Amino acid sequence: MAKYRVNKTDDQPLHPAEPDRHWRQLRQGDRVSVRLAPGFETGGLVDAVTADHSVVWVDLDGGRGRTLLHCGDGVEIRPHDS
């Protein structure tokens, strides 16, 4: 066990994450564009959304699977342009 603590993360206050305006408009079955990181963008279908819209499950295109995205993750989810 370490004697000295480098980060005092347990002493820092928690800040609630607020979803962006467009997250609040997402509904199950919506086609979306997901930007997970710079240079990695893919499409998918919204599978589920929590009541407060802070968490979204997306089935990614191309067999990439189902992923859980939180509004505090720095992930961009946009309705797919038709």
Protein backbone atom coordinates (compact mmCIF):
# COMPACT_ATOMS: atom_id res chain seq x y z
CA MET A 1 0.00 0.00 0.00
CA ALA A 2 1.32 3.44 -0.93
CA LYS A 3 2.25 5.80 1.88
CA TYR A 4 1.73 8.98 -0.08
CA ARG A 5 -1.33 9.83 -2.08
CA VAL A 6 -0.64 11.63 -5.36
CA ASN A 7 -4.24 12.48 -6.27
CA LYS A 8 -6.81 13.34 -3.66
CA THR A 9 -9.71 12.37 -5.88
CA ASP A 10 -11.78 11.28 -2.89
CA ASP A 11 -11.63 14.85 -1.56
CA GLN A 12 -12.84 16.47 -4.79
CA PRO A 13 -16.56 17.27 -5.14
CA LEU A 14 -18.59 15.43 -7.75
CA HIS A 15 -20.05 17.51 -10.53
CA PRO A 16 -23.21 16.29 -12.20
CA ALA A 17 -22.84 15.87 -15.96
CA GLU A 18 -25.49 17.53 -18.07
CA PRO A 19 -26.32 16.15 -21.52
CA ASP A 20 -26.13 18.51 -24.50
CA ARG A 21 -29.37 19.80 -25.98
CA HIS A 22 -29.32 17.31 -28.87
CA TRP A 23 -28.92 14.35 -26.44
CA ARG A 24 -32.31 15.28 -24.96
CA GLN A 25 -33.94 14.82 -28.38
CA LEU A 26 -32.67 11.25 -28.89
CA ARG A 27 -35.23 8.44 -28.95
CA GLN A 28 -35.01 4.68 -29.32
CA GLY A 29 -34.66 3.77 -33.01
CA ASP A 30 -33.08 7.08 -34.08
CA ARG A 31 -30.23 6.83 -36.59
CA VAL A 32 -27.23 8.74 -35.23
CA SER A 33 -23.65 9.60 -36.05
CA VAL A 34 -21.24 8.86 -33.18
CA ARG A 35 -17.81 10.48 -32.86
CA LEU A 36 -15.94 8.44 -30.27
CA ALA A 37 -12.55 10.09 -30.81
CA PRO A 38 -10.98 12.42 -33.36
CA GLY A 39 -10.88 10.53 -36.64
CA PHE A 40 -13.23 7.76 -35.49
CA GLU A 41 -16.82 8.40 -36.47
CA THR A 42 -19.45 5.78 -37.18
CA GLY A 43 -23.17 5.48 -37.50
CA GLY A 44 -25.59 3.52 -35.41
CA LEU A 45 -29.08 3.13 -34.03
CA VAL A 46 -30.14 4.32 -30.59
CA ASP A 47 -31.14 1.21 -28.65
CA ALA A 48 -32.04 2.81 -25.30
CA VAL A 49 -31.95 6.17 -23.50
CA THR A 50 -32.16 6.78 -19.76
CA ALA A 51 -34.96 9.01 -18.44
CA ASP A 52 -32.55 11.90 -17.78
CA HIS A 53 -30.89 11.45 -21.22
CA SER A 54 -27.41 11.28 -19.68
CA VAL A 55 -26.80 7.70 -20.90
CA VAL A 56 -27.47 6.33 -24.38
CA TRP A 57 -27.02 2.77 -25.68
CA VAL A 58 -26.11 2.69 -29.38
CA ASP A 59 -25.88 -0.33 -31.71
CA LEU A 60 -22.92 0.68 -33.87
CA ASP A 61 -22.90 -0.01 -37.61
CA GLY A 62 -20.57 -2.53 -39.19
CA GLY A 63 -20.92 -5.15 -36.47
CA ARG A 64 -19.03 -3.03 -33.94
CA GLY A 65 -21.49 -3.98 -31.22
CA ARG A 66 -23.64 -2.19 -28.69
CA THR A 67 -21.98 0.51 -26.64
CA LEU A 68 -23.00 2.59 -23.64
CA LEU A 69 -22.23 6.30 -23.95
CA HIS A 70 -22.40 8.79 -21.07
CA CYS A 71 -22.75 12.52 -21.62
CA GLY A 72 -19.60 13.09 -19.53
CA ASP A 73 -17.46 10.84 -21.76
CA GLY A 74 -16.71 13.56 -24.32
CA VAL A 75 -18.47 11.59 -27.04
CA GLU A 76 -20.44 13.40 -29.72
CA ILE A 77 -23.79 11.95 -30.77
CA ARG A 78 -25.66 13.72 -33.55
CA PRO A 79 -28.85 12.81 -35.38
CA HIS A 80 -27.82 11.31 -38.74
CA ASP A 81 -28.30 13.69 -41.65
CA SER A 82 -30.89 12.28 -44.00
